[in-house]
Amino acid sequence: MQFFNHSIGRFRLISYLEAFSFIYLLFCSIYLKRILGDDEAIRTPGMIHGILFCIYCVFLYQAMESAKWSFKQAGLIFLTSLLPIVPFFIEGWLKREQIRVQGSRTA
């Protein structure tokens, strides 16, 4: 996988991690905290998700700069992070964008 050699690739990787952490956080908050009554269940997953979300925002900005996306495009991509499974649906588009930007640099 060519995640680390381009800002869009790094953004794709953090998008996966952030989405998985969001899904896990929802599991922890619903099942472990609400059903099992463990009040400390979301402390660590919540902190991890918060850190990943901050990194997600930084990497989105870097990807926006390198791909020359408009603020509208970047805003729509940002909105995908607010729903747990949507980042998986834009993965194909992000991969095509990475190929497009890398191809324009080599040409």
Protein backbone atom coordinates (compact mmCIF):
# COMPACT_ATOMS: atom_id res chain seq x y z
CA MET A 1 0.00 0.00 0.00
CA GLN A 2 1.24 3.42 -0.85
CA PHE A 3 -0.12 5.28 2.15
CA PHE A 4 2.97 7.03 3.41
CA ASN A 5 4.45 8.48 0.24
CA HIS A 6 1.76 11.15 -0.29
CA SER A 7 -0.40 13.42 1.84
CA ILE A 8 -3.60 11.92 0.41
CA GLY A 9 -2.30 8.44 1.24
CA ARG A 10 -1.62 9.48 4.82
CA PHE A 11 -5.08 11.01 4.95
CA ARG A 12 -6.61 7.75 3.66
CA LEU A 13 -4.83 5.80 6.40
CA ILE A 14 -5.89 8.15 9.20
CA SER A 15 -9.41 8.15 7.78
CA TYR A 16 -9.55 4.38 8.26
CA LEU A 17 -8.15 4.58 11.77
CA GLU A 18 -10.46 7.39 12.77
CA ALA A 19 -13.52 5.57 11.42
CA PHE A 20 -12.60 2.36 13.24
CA SER A 21 -11.99 4.26 16.47
CA PHE A 22 -15.37 5.98 16.10
CA ILE A 23 -17.13 2.65 15.62
CA TYR A 24 -15.31 1.20 18.64
CA LEU A 25 -16.13 4.28 20.71
CA LEU A 26 -19.81 3.86 19.88
CA PHE A 27 -19.59 0.21 20.91
CA CYS A 28 -17.93 1.16 24.20
CA SER A 29 -20.36 3.93 24.99
CA ILE A 30 -23.46 1.95 24.15
CA TYR A 31 -22.61 -1.55 25.26
CA LEU A 32 -19.97 -1.25 27.94
CA LYS A 33 -21.11 1.98 29.57
CA ARG A 34 -24.87 1.97 29.14
CA ILE A 35 -25.67 -1.75 29.25
CA LEU A 36 -22.93 -3.08 31.54
CA GLY A 37 -22.71 0.10 33.60
CA ASP A 38 -18.94 0.58 33.37
CA ASP A 39 -18.52 4.35 33.70
CA GLU A 40 -14.81 4.27 32.84
CA ALA A 41 -15.34 2.30 29.60
CA ILE A 42 -15.12 5.25 27.24
CA ARG A 43 -12.25 7.18 28.79
CA THR A 44 -9.36 5.59 26.87
CA PRO A 45 -11.20 4.93 23.57
CA GLY A 46 -12.56 8.47 23.72
CA MET A 47 -9.09 9.94 24.16
CA ILE A 48 -7.68 7.82 21.33
CA HIS A 49 -10.53 8.81 19.04
CA GLY A 50 -10.06 12.49 19.93
CA ILE A 51 -6.36 12.36 19.09
CA LEU A 52 -7.04 10.54 15.82
CA PHE A 53 -9.72 13.10 14.94
CA CYS A 54 -7.26 15.97 15.46
CA ILE A 55 -4.71 14.20 13.25
CA TYR A 56 -7.51 13.59 10.71
CA CYS A 57 -8.18 17.34 10.53
CA VAL A 58 -4.48 18.17 10.04
CA PHE A 59 -4.06 15.51 7.35
CA LEU A 60 -7.24 16.67 5.61
CA TYR A 61 -5.76 20.16 5.38
CA GLN A 62 -2.48 18.79 3.99
CA ALA A 63 -4.35 16.66 1.44
CA MET A 64 -6.51 19.64 0.48
CA GLU A 65 -3.41 21.72 -0.18
CA SER A 66 -1.63 19.09 -2.26
CA ALA A 67 -4.71 18.08 -4.30
CA LYS A 68 -5.91 21.68 -4.64
CA TRP A 69 -9.39 20.81 -3.37
CA SER A 70 -11.82 23.65 -2.78
CA PHE A 71 -13.08 24.43 0.71
CA LYS A 72 -16.42 22.96 -0.34
CA GLN A 73 -14.81 19.63 -1.28
CA ALA A 74 -12.76 19.58 1.92
CA GLY A 75 -15.87 20.47 3.93
CA LEU A 76 -17.79 17.59 2.39
CA ILE A 77 -14.94 15.22 3.14
CA PHE A 78 -14.88 16.53 6.70
CA LEU A 79 -18.60 15.82 7.03
CA THR A 80 -17.94 12.18 6.18
CA SER A 81 -16.02 11.84 9.43
CA LEU A 82 -19.16 12.60 11.43
CA LEU A 83 -20.84 9.34 10.42
CA PRO A 84 -18.96 6.17 11.40
CA ILE A 85 -19.03 4.18 8.14
CA VAL A 86 -19.05 6.89 5.46
CA PRO A 87 -15.22 7.22 5.27
CA PHE A 88 -15.13 3.68 3.88
CA PHE A 89 -17.42 4.74 1.02
CA ILE A 90 -15.19 7.61 -0.15
CA GLU A 91 -12.03 5.47 -0.09
CA GLY A 92 -12.25 4.71 -3.82
CA TRP A 93 -12.54 8.38 -4.69
CA LEU A 94 -9.62 9.26 -2.42
CA LYS A 95 -7.48 6.58 -4.05
CA ARG A 96 -8.30 7.97 -7.51
CA GLU A 97 -7.45 11.46 -6.29
CA GLN A 98 -4.11 10.25 -4.98
CA ILE A 99 -3.33 8.63 -8.34
CA ARG A 100 -4.42 11.80 -10.16
CA VAL A 101 -2.22 14.08 -8.06
CA GLN A 102 0.79 11.75 -8.18
CA GLY A 103 0.35 11.36 -11.96
CA SER A 104 0.24 15.11 -12.52
CA ARG A 105 3.49 15.54 -10.57
CA THR A 106 5.35 12.96 -12.63
CA ALA A 107 4.06 14.26 -15.97
